[in-house]
mmCIF file of all heavy atoms, coordinates in Angstrom:
data_MODEL
# 
_entry.id   MODEL 
# 
loop_
_atom_site.group_PDB 
_atom_site.id 
_atom_site.type_symbol 
_atom_site.label_atom_id 
_atom_site.label_alt_id 
_atom_site.label_comp_id 
_atom_site.label_asym_id 
_atom_site.label_entity_id 
_atom_site.label_seq_id 
_atom_site.pdbx_PDB_ins_code 
_atom_site.Cartn_x 
_atom_site.Cartn_y 
_atom_site.Cartn_z 
_atom_site.occupancy 
_atom_site.B_iso_or_equiv 
_atom_site.pdbx_formal_charge 
_atom_site.auth_seq_id 
_atom_site.auth_comp_id 
_atom_site.auth_asym_id 
_atom_site.auth_atom_id 
_atom_site.pdbx_PDB_model_num 
ATOM 1   N N   . GLY A 1 1  ? -14.846 -7.216  14.909 1.00 0.00 ? 1  GLY A N   1 
ATOM 2   C CA  . GLY A 1 1  ? -15.049 -6.090  14.011 1.00 0.00 ? 1  GLY A CA  1 
ATOM 3   C C   . GLY A 1 1  ? -14.439 -4.821  14.540 1.00 0.00 ? 1  GLY A C   1 
ATOM 4   O O   . GLY A 1 1  ? -13.495 -4.839  15.333 1.00 0.00 ? 1  GLY A O   1 
ATOM 5   N N   . ALA A 1 2  ? -15.005 -3.692  14.107 1.00 0.00 ? 2  ALA A N   1 
ATOM 6   C CA  . ALA A 1 2  ? -14.540 -2.378  14.535 1.00 0.00 ? 2  ALA A CA  1 
ATOM 7   C C   . ALA A 1 2  ? -15.693 -1.395  14.450 1.00 0.00 ? 2  ALA A C   1 
ATOM 8   O O   . ALA A 1 2  ? -16.601 -1.543  13.629 1.00 0.00 ? 2  ALA A O   1 
ATOM 9   C CB  . ALA A 1 2  ? -13.375 -1.909  13.677 1.00 0.00 ? 2  ALA A CB  1 
ATOM 10  N N   . ILE A 1 3  ? -15.657 -0.385  15.325 1.00 0.00 ? 3  ILE A N   1 
ATOM 11  C CA  . ILE A 1 3  ? -16.622 0.713   15.304 1.00 0.00 ? 3  ILE A CA  1 
ATOM 12  C C   . ILE A 1 3  ? -15.831 2.002   15.297 1.00 0.00 ? 3  ILE A C   1 
ATOM 13  O O   . ILE A 1 3  ? -14.944 2.199   16.139 1.00 0.00 ? 3  ILE A O   1 
ATOM 14  C CB  . ILE A 1 3  ? -17.562 0.670   16.523 1.00 0.00 ? 3  ILE A CB  1 
ATOM 15  C CG1 . ILE A 1 3  ? -18.319 -0.656  16.583 1.00 0.00 ? 3  ILE A CG1 1 
ATOM 16  C CG2 . ILE A 1 3  ? -18.538 1.841   16.483 1.00 0.00 ? 3  ILE A CG2 1 
ATOM 17  C CD1 . ILE A 1 3  ? -19.171 -0.812  17.833 1.00 0.00 ? 3  ILE A CD1 1 
ATOM 18  N N   . GLY A 1 4  ? -16.124 2.879   14.327 1.00 0.00 ? 4  GLY A N   1 
ATOM 19  C CA  . GLY A 1 4  ? -15.318 4.085   14.226 1.00 0.00 ? 4  GLY A CA  1 
ATOM 20  C C   . GLY A 1 4  ? -15.993 5.204   13.473 1.00 0.00 ? 4  GLY A C   1 
ATOM 21  O O   . GLY A 1 4  ? -17.211 5.203   13.249 1.00 0.00 ? 4  GLY A O   1 
ATOM 22  N N   . VAL A 1 5  ? -15.186 6.179   13.060 1.00 0.00 ? 5  VAL A N   1 
ATOM 23  C CA  . VAL A 1 5  ? -15.651 7.378   12.363 1.00 0.00 ? 5  VAL A CA  1 
ATOM 24  C C   . VAL A 1 5  ? -15.870 7.056   10.885 1.00 0.00 ? 5  VAL A C   1 
ATOM 25  O O   . VAL A 1 5  ? -15.030 6.410   10.248 1.00 0.00 ? 5  VAL A O   1 
ATOM 26  C CB  . VAL A 1 5  ? -14.618 8.515   12.505 1.00 0.00 ? 5  VAL A CB  1 
ATOM 27  C CG1 . VAL A 1 5  ? -15.042 9.726   11.670 1.00 0.00 ? 5  VAL A CG1 1 
ATOM 28  C CG2 . VAL A 1 5  ? -14.452 8.904   13.965 1.00 0.00 ? 5  VAL A CG2 1 
ATOM 29  N N   . LEU A 1 6  ? -16.990 7.503   10.345 1.00 0.00 ? 6  LEU A N   1 
ATOM 30  C CA  . LEU A 1 6  ? -17.293 7.293   8.935  1.00 0.00 ? 6  LEU A CA  1 
ATOM 31  C C   . LEU A 1 6  ? -16.335 8.118   8.085  1.00 0.00 ? 6  LEU A C   1 
ATOM 32  O O   . LEU A 1 6  ? -16.303 9.341   8.168  1.00 0.00 ? 6  LEU A O   1 
ATOM 33  C CB  . LEU A 1 6  ? -18.739 7.699   8.645  1.00 0.00 ? 6  LEU A CB  1 
ATOM 34  C CG  . LEU A 1 6  ? -19.243 7.447   7.223  1.00 0.00 ? 6  LEU A CG  1 
ATOM 35  C CD1 . LEU A 1 6  ? -19.226 5.955   6.905  1.00 0.00 ? 6  LEU A CD1 1 
ATOM 36  C CD2 . LEU A 1 6  ? -20.648 8.006   7.048  1.00 0.00 ? 6  LEU A CD2 1 
ATOM 37  N N   . ASP A 1 7  ? -15.539 7.423   7.250  1.00 0.00 ? 7  ASP A N   1 
ATOM 38  C CA  . ASP A 1 7  ? -14.531 8.096   6.439  1.00 0.00 ? 7  ASP A CA  1 
ATOM 39  C C   . ASP A 1 7  ? -14.801 7.936   4.948  1.00 0.00 ? 7  ASP A C   1 
ATOM 40  O O   . ASP A 1 7  ? -13.899 8.070   4.131  1.00 0.00 ? 7  ASP A O   1 
ATOM 41  C CB  . ASP A 1 7  ? -13.136 7.565   6.777  1.00 0.00 ? 7  ASP A CB  1 
ATOM 42  C CG  . ASP A 1 7  ? -13.018 6.056   6.554  1.00 0.00 ? 7  ASP A CG  1 
ATOM 43  O OD1 . ASP A 1 7  ? -14.045 5.420   6.223  1.00 0.00 ? 7  ASP A OD1 1 
ATOM 44  O OD2 . ASP A 1 7  ? -11.908 5.520   6.714  1.00 0.00 ? 7  ASP A OD2 1 
ATOM 45  N N   . ARG A 1 8  ? -16.054 7.638   4.596  1.00 0.00 ? 8  ARG A N   1 
ATOM 46  C CA  . ARG A 1 8  ? -16.437 7.493   3.190  1.00 0.00 ? 8  ARG A CA  1 
ATOM 47  C C   . ARG A 1 8  ? -17.867 7.995   3.041  1.00 0.00 ? 8  ARG A C   1 
ATOM 48  O O   . ARG A 1 8  ? -18.602 8.110   4.027  1.00 0.00 ? 8  ARG A O   1 
ATOM 49  C CB  . ARG A 1 8  ? -16.311 6.033   2.751  1.00 0.00 ? 8  ARG A CB  1 
ATOM 50  C CG  . ARG A 1 8  ? -16.996 5.023   3.649  1.00 0.00 ? 8  ARG A CG  1 
ATOM 51  C CD  . ARG A 1 8  ? -16.752 3.596   3.180  1.00 0.00 ? 8  ARG A CD  1 
ATOM 52  N NE  . ARG A 1 8  ? -17.383 2.612   4.048  1.00 0.00 ? 8  ARG A NE  1 
ATOM 53  C CZ  . ARG A 1 8  ? -16.741 1.837   4.915  1.00 0.00 ? 8  ARG A CZ  1 
ATOM 54  N NH1 . ARG A 1 8  ? -15.429 1.925   5.044  1.00 0.00 ? 8  ARG A NH1 1 
ATOM 55  N NH2 . ARG A 1 8  ? -17.390 0.957   5.654  1.00 0.00 ? 8  ARG A NH2 1 
ATOM 56  N N   . PRO A 1 9  ? -18.312 8.298   1.824  1.00 0.00 ? 9  PRO A N   1 
ATOM 57  C CA  . PRO A 1 9  ? -19.614 8.951   1.671  1.00 0.00 ? 9  PRO A CA  1 
ATOM 58  C C   . PRO A 1 9  ? -20.814 8.039   1.891  1.00 0.00 ? 9  PRO A C   1 
ATOM 59  O O   . PRO A 1 9  ? -21.933 8.532   2.037  1.00 0.00 ? 9  PRO A O   1 
ATOM 60  C CB  . PRO A 1 9  ? -19.575 9.467   0.226  1.00 0.00 ? 9  PRO A CB  1 
ATOM 61  C CG  . PRO A 1 9  ? -18.583 8.599   -0.470 1.00 0.00 ? 9  PRO A CG  1 
ATOM 62  C CD  . PRO A 1 9  ? -17.553 8.262   0.559  1.00 0.00 ? 9  PRO A CD  1 
ATOM 63  N N   . SER A 1 10 ? -20.622 6.718   1.873  1.00 0.00 ? 10 SER A N   1 
ATOM 64  C CA  . SER A 1 10 ? -21.766 5.813   2.019  1.00 0.00 ? 10 SER A CA  1 
ATOM 65  C C   . SER A 1 10 ? -21.295 4.490   2.612  1.00 0.00 ? 10 SER A C   1 
ATOM 66  O O   . SER A 1 10 ? -20.122 4.305   2.914  1.00 0.00 ? 10 SER A O   1 
ATOM 67  C CB  . SER A 1 10 ? -22.438 5.575   0.657  1.00 0.00 ? 10 SER A CB  1 
ATOM 68  O OG  . SER A 1 10 ? -21.531 5.000   -0.259 1.00 0.00 ? 10 SER A OG  1 
ATOM 69  N N   . HIS A 1 11 ? -22.231 3.560   2.769  1.00 0.00 ? 11 HIS A N   1 
ATOM 70  C CA  . HIS A 1 11 ? -21.962 2.202   3.256  1.00 0.00 ? 11 HIS A CA  1 
ATOM 71  C C   . HIS A 1 11 ? -21.282 2.210   4.634  1.00 0.00 ? 11 HIS A C   1 
ATOM 72  O O   . HIS A 1 11 ? -20.173 1.695   4.794  1.00 0.00 ? 11 HIS A O   1 
ATOM 73  C CB  . HIS A 1 11 ? -21.111 1.424   2.257  1.00 0.00 ? 11 HIS A CB  1 
ATOM 74  C CG  . HIS A 1 11 ? -21.663 1.460   0.860  1.00 0.00 ? 11 HIS A CG  1 
ATOM 75  N ND1 . HIS A 1 11 ? -22.913 0.978   0.547  1.00 0.00 ? 11 HIS A ND1 1 
ATOM 76  C CD2 . HIS A 1 11 ? -21.157 1.941   -0.287 1.00 0.00 ? 11 HIS A CD2 1 
ATOM 77  C CE1 . HIS A 1 11 ? -23.132 1.149   -0.748 1.00 0.00 ? 11 HIS A CE1 1 
ATOM 78  N NE2 . HIS A 1 11 ? -22.093 1.738   -1.269 1.00 0.00 ? 11 HIS A NE2 1 
ATOM 79  N N   . PRO A 1 12 ? -21.976 2.744   5.637  1.00 0.00 ? 12 PRO A N   1 
ATOM 80  C CA  . PRO A 1 12 ? -21.364 2.803   6.972  1.00 0.00 ? 12 PRO A CA  1 
ATOM 81  C C   . PRO A 1 12 ? -21.267 1.454   7.670  1.00 0.00 ? 12 PRO A C   1 
ATOM 82  O O   . PRO A 1 12 ? -20.452 1.292   8.577  1.00 0.00 ? 12 PRO A O   1 
ATOM 83  C CB  . PRO A 1 12 ? -22.288 3.748   7.738  1.00 0.00 ? 12 PRO A CB  1 
ATOM 84  C CG  . PRO A 1 12 ? -23.605 3.622   7.042  1.00 0.00 ? 12 PRO A CG  1 
ATOM 85  C CD  . PRO A 1 12 ? -23.283 3.415   5.604  1.00 0.00 ? 12 PRO A CD  1 
ATOM 86  N N   . VAL A 1 13 ? -22.103 0.497   7.279  1.00 0.00 ? 13 VAL A N   1 
ATOM 87  C CA  . VAL A 1 13 ? -22.064 -0.841  7.868  1.00 0.00 ? 13 VAL A CA  1 
ATOM 88  C C   . VAL A 1 13 ? -21.694 -1.831  6.779  1.00 0.00 ? 13 VAL A C   1 
ATOM 89  O O   . VAL A 1 13 ? -22.313 -1.861  5.710  1.00 0.00 ? 13 VAL A O   1 
ATOM 90  C CB  . VAL A 1 13 ? -23.420 -1.227  8.486  1.00 0.00 ? 13 VAL A CB  1 
ATOM 91  C CG1 . VAL A 1 13 ? -23.365 -2.645  9.072  1.00 0.00 ? 13 VAL A CG1 1 
ATOM 92  C CG2 . VAL A 1 13 ? -23.835 -0.231  9.553  1.00 0.00 ? 13 VAL A CG2 1 
ATOM 93  N N   . THR A 1 14 ? -20.670 -2.636  7.034  1.00 0.00 ? 14 THR A N   1 
ATOM 94  C CA  . THR A 1 14 ? -20.226 -3.559  5.998  1.00 0.00 ? 14 THR A CA  1 
ATOM 95  C C   . THR A 1 14 ? -19.510 -4.744  6.625  1.00 0.00 ? 14 THR A C   1 
ATOM 96  O O   . THR A 1 14 ? -19.263 -4.769  7.829  1.00 0.00 ? 14 THR A O   1 
ATOM 97  C CB  . THR A 1 14 ? -19.290 -2.845  4.999  1.00 0.00 ? 14 THR A CB  1 
ATOM 98  O OG1 . THR A 1 14 ? -19.082 -3.675  3.858  1.00 0.00 ? 14 THR A OG1 1 
ATOM 99  C CG2 . THR A 1 14 ? -17.942 -2.522  5.624  1.00 0.00 ? 14 THR A CG2 1 
ATOM 100 N N   . VAL A 1 15 ? -19.204 -5.733  5.795  1.00 0.00 ? 15 VAL A N   1 
ATOM 101 C CA  . VAL A 1 15 ? -18.327 -6.830  6.189  1.00 0.00 ? 15 VAL A CA  1 
ATOM 102 C C   . VAL A 1 15 ? -17.176 -6.894  5.193  1.00 0.00 ? 15 VAL A C   1 
ATOM 103 O O   . VAL A 1 15 ? -17.274 -6.388  4.068  1.00 0.00 ? 15 VAL A O   1 
ATOM 104 C CB  . VAL A 1 15 ? -19.060 -8.191  6.224  1.00 0.00 ? 15 VAL A CB  1 
ATOM 105 C CG1 . VAL A 1 15 ? -20.053 -8.238  7.368  1.00 0.00 ? 15 VAL A CG1 1 
ATOM 106 C CG2 . VAL A 1 15 ? -19.729 -8.514  4.895  1.00 0.00 ? 15 VAL A CG2 1 
ATOM 107 N N   . TYR A 1 16 ? -16.095 -7.509  5.614  1.00 0.00 ? 16 TYR A N   1 
ATOM 108 C CA  . TYR A 1 16 ? -14.943 -7.709  4.754  1.00 0.00 ? 16 TYR A CA  1 
ATOM 109 C C   . TYR A 1 16 ? -14.871 -9.169  4.329  1.00 0.00 ? 16 TYR A C   1 
ATOM 110 O O   . TYR A 1 16 ? -15.164 -10.063 5.120  1.00 0.00 ? 16 TYR A O   1 
ATOM 111 C CB  . TYR A 1 16 ? -13.663 -7.287  5.470  1.00 0.00 ? 16 TYR A CB  1 
ATOM 112 C CG  . TYR A 1 16 ? -13.487 -5.782  5.487  1.00 0.00 ? 16 TYR A CG  1 
ATOM 113 C CD1 . TYR A 1 16 ? -14.254 -4.983  6.335  1.00 0.00 ? 16 TYR A CD1 1 
ATOM 114 C CD2 . TYR A 1 16 ? -12.585 -5.153  4.632  1.00 0.00 ? 16 TYR A CD2 1 
ATOM 115 C CE1 . TYR A 1 16 ? -14.117 -3.609  6.332  1.00 0.00 ? 16 TYR A CE1 1 
ATOM 116 C CE2 . TYR A 1 16 ? -12.447 -3.777  4.629  1.00 0.00 ? 16 TYR A CE2 1 
ATOM 117 C CZ  . TYR A 1 16 ? -13.213 -3.012  5.482  1.00 0.00 ? 16 TYR A CZ  1 
ATOM 118 O OH  . TYR A 1 16 ? -13.089 -1.648  5.468  1.00 0.00 ? 16 TYR A OH  1 
ATOM 119 N N   . ILE A 1 17 ? -14.493 -9.378  3.087  1.00 0.00 ? 17 ILE A N   1 
ATOM 120 C CA  . ILE A 1 17 ? -14.439 -10.718 2.500  1.00 0.00 ? 17 ILE A CA  1 
ATOM 121 C C   . ILE A 1 17 ? -12.982 -11.084 2.270  1.00 0.00 ? 17 ILE A C   1 
ATOM 122 O O   . ILE A 1 17 ? -12.207 -10.294 1.711  1.00 0.00 ? 17 ILE A O   1 
ATOM 123 C CB  . ILE A 1 17 ? -15.231 -10.763 1.174  1.00 0.00 ? 17 ILE A CB  1 
ATOM 124 C CG1 . ILE A 1 17 ? -16.695 -10.374 1.443  1.00 0.00 ? 17 ILE A CG1 1 
ATOM 125 C CG2 . ILE A 1 17 ? -15.142 -12.150 0.539  1.00 0.00 ? 17 ILE A CG2 1 
ATOM 126 C CD1 . ILE A 1 17 ? -17.507 -10.187 0.175  1.00 0.00 ? 17 ILE A CD1 1 
ATOM 127 N N   . GLN A 1 18 ? -12.601 -12.280 2.706  1.00 0.00 ? 18 GLN A N   1 
ATOM 128 C CA  . GLN A 1 18 ? -11.209 -12.733 2.604  1.00 0.00 ? 18 GLN A CA  1 
ATOM 129 C C   . GLN A 1 18 ? -10.806 -12.919 1.142  1.00 0.00 ? 18 GLN A C   1 
ATOM 130 O O   . GLN A 1 18 ? -11.513 -13.537 0.353  1.00 0.00 ? 18 GLN A O   1 
ATOM 131 C CB  . GLN A 1 18 ? -11.055 -14.070 3.332  1.00 0.00 ? 18 GLN A CB  1 
ATOM 132 C CG  . GLN A 1 18 ? -9.632  -14.549 3.447  1.00 0.00 ? 18 GLN A CG  1 
ATOM 133 C CD  . GLN A 1 18 ? -9.036  -14.202 4.799  1.00 0.00 ? 18 GLN A CD  1 
ATOM 134 O OE1 . GLN A 1 18 ? -9.580  -13.381 5.531  1.00 0.00 ? 18 GLN A OE1 1 
ATOM 135 N NE2 . GLN A 1 18 ? -7.970  -14.849 5.148  1.00 0.00 ? 18 GLN A NE2 1 
ATOM 136 N N   . SER A 1 19 ? -9.653  -12.386 0.786  1.00 0.00 ? 19 SER A N   1 
ATOM 137 C CA  . SER A 1 19 ? -9.123  -12.532 -0.568 1.00 0.00 ? 19 SER A CA  1 
ATOM 138 C C   . SER A 1 19 ? -7.608  -12.643 -0.515 1.00 0.00 ? 19 SER A C   1 
ATOM 139 O O   . SER A 1 19 ? -6.947  -11.837 0.143  1.00 0.00 ? 19 SER A O   1 
ATOM 140 C CB  . SER A 1 19 ? -9.519  -11.342 -1.445 1.00 0.00 ? 19 SER A CB  1 
ATOM 141 O OG  . SER A 1 19 ? -8.871  -11.400 -2.706 1.00 0.00 ? 19 SER A OG  1 
ATOM 142 N N   . ALA A 1 20 ? -7.059  -13.611 -1.219 1.00 0.00 ? 20 ALA A N   1 
ATOM 143 C CA  . ALA A 1 20 ? -5.611  -13.767 -1.301 1.00 0.00 ? 20 ALA A CA  1 
ATOM 144 C C   . ALA A 1 20 ? -5.023  -12.950 -2.445 1.00 0.00 ? 20 ALA A C   1 
ATOM 145 O O   . ALA A 1 20 ? -3.810  -12.767 -2.524 1.00 0.00 ? 20 ALA A O   1 
ATOM 146 C CB  . ALA A 1 20 ? -5.246  -15.241 -1.482 1.00 0.00 ? 20 ALA A CB  1 
ATOM 147 N N   . ASP A 1 21 ? -5.882  -12.460 -3.345 1.00 0.00 ? 21 ASP A N   1 
ATOM 148 C CA  . ASP A 1 21 ? -5.416  -11.712 -4.512 1.00 0.00 ? 21 ASP A CA  1 
ATOM 149 C C   . ASP A 1 21 ? -6.374  -10.549 -4.734 1.00 0.00 ? 21 ASP A C   1 
ATOM 150 O O   . ASP A 1 21 ? -7.393  -10.682 -5.416 1.00 0.00 ? 21 ASP A O   1 
ATOM 151 C CB  . ASP A 1 21 ? -5.364  -12.629 -5.741 1.00 0.00 ? 21 ASP A CB  1 
ATOM 152 C CG  . ASP A 1 21 ? -4.732  -11.965 -6.952 1.00 0.00 ? 21 ASP A CG  1 
ATOM 153 O OD1 . ASP A 1 21 ? -4.724  -10.722 -7.022 1.00 0.00 ? 21 ASP A OD1 1 
ATOM 154 O OD2 . ASP A 1 21 ? -4.254  -12.695 -7.844 1.00 0.00 ? 21 ASP A OD2 1 
ATOM 155 N N   . PHE A 1 22 ? -6.047  -9.387  -4.145 1.00 0.00 ? 22 PHE A N   1 
ATOM 156 C CA  . PHE A 1 22 ? -6.933  -8.236  -4.250 1.00 0.00 ? 22 PHE A CA  1 
ATOM 157 C C   . PHE A 1 22 ? -7.157  -7.825  -5.704 1.00 0.00 ? 22 PHE A C   1 
ATOM 158 O O   . PHE A 1 22 ? -8.269  -7.478  -6.097 1.00 0.00 ? 22 PHE A O   1 
ATOM 159 C CB  . PHE A 1 22 ? -6.357  -7.054  -3.475 1.00 0.00 ? 22 PHE A CB  1 
ATOM 160 C CG  . PHE A 1 22 ? -6.576  -7.121  -1.995 1.00 0.00 ? 22 PHE A CG  1 
ATOM 161 C CD1 . PHE A 1 22 ? -6.899  -8.307  -1.363 1.00 0.00 ? 22 PHE A CD1 1 
ATOM 162 C CD2 . PHE A 1 22 ? -6.450  -5.980  -1.223 1.00 0.00 ? 22 PHE A CD2 1 
ATOM 163 C CE1 . PHE A 1 22 ? -7.101  -8.361  0.007  1.00 0.00 ? 22 PHE A CE1 1 
ATOM 164 C CE2 . PHE A 1 22 ? -6.642  -6.021  0.155  1.00 0.00 ? 22 PHE A CE2 1 
ATOM 165 C CZ  . PHE A 1 22 ? -6.962  -7.227  0.763  1.00 0.00 ? 22 PHE A CZ  1 
ATOM 166 N N   . GLY A 1 23 ? -6.110  -7.856  -6.490 1.00 0.00 ? 23 GLY A N   1 
ATOM 167 C CA  . GLY A 1 23 ? -6.230  -7.441  -7.885 1.00 0.00 ? 23 GLY A CA  1 
ATOM 168 C C   . GLY A 1 23 ? -7.224  -8.293  -8.650 1.00 0.00 ? 23 GLY A C   1 
ATOM 169 O O   . GLY A 1 23 ? -8.081  -7.768  -9.372 1.00 0.00 ? 23 GLY A O   1 
ATOM 170 N N   . ALA A 1 24 ? -7.130  -9.601  -8.492 1.00 0.00 ? 24 ALA A N   1 
ATOM 171 C CA  . ALA A 1 24 ? -8.041  -10.499 -9.186 1.00 0.00 ? 24 ALA A CA  1 
ATOM 172 C C   . ALA A 1 24 ? -9.469  -10.323 -8.683 1.00 0.00 ? 24 ALA A C   1 
ATOM 173 O O   . ALA A 1 24 ? -10.435 -10.328 -9.465 1.00 0.00 ? 24 ALA A O   1 
ATOM 174 C CB  . ALA A 1 24 ? -7.599  -11.950 -9.017 1.00 0.00 ? 24 ALA A CB  1 
# 
């Protein structure tokens, strides 16, 4: 993972989900 500076207004802890087609 990664630990860093909060650059958005909410959701400081999250996971990323694998996707081959971001648009879909």
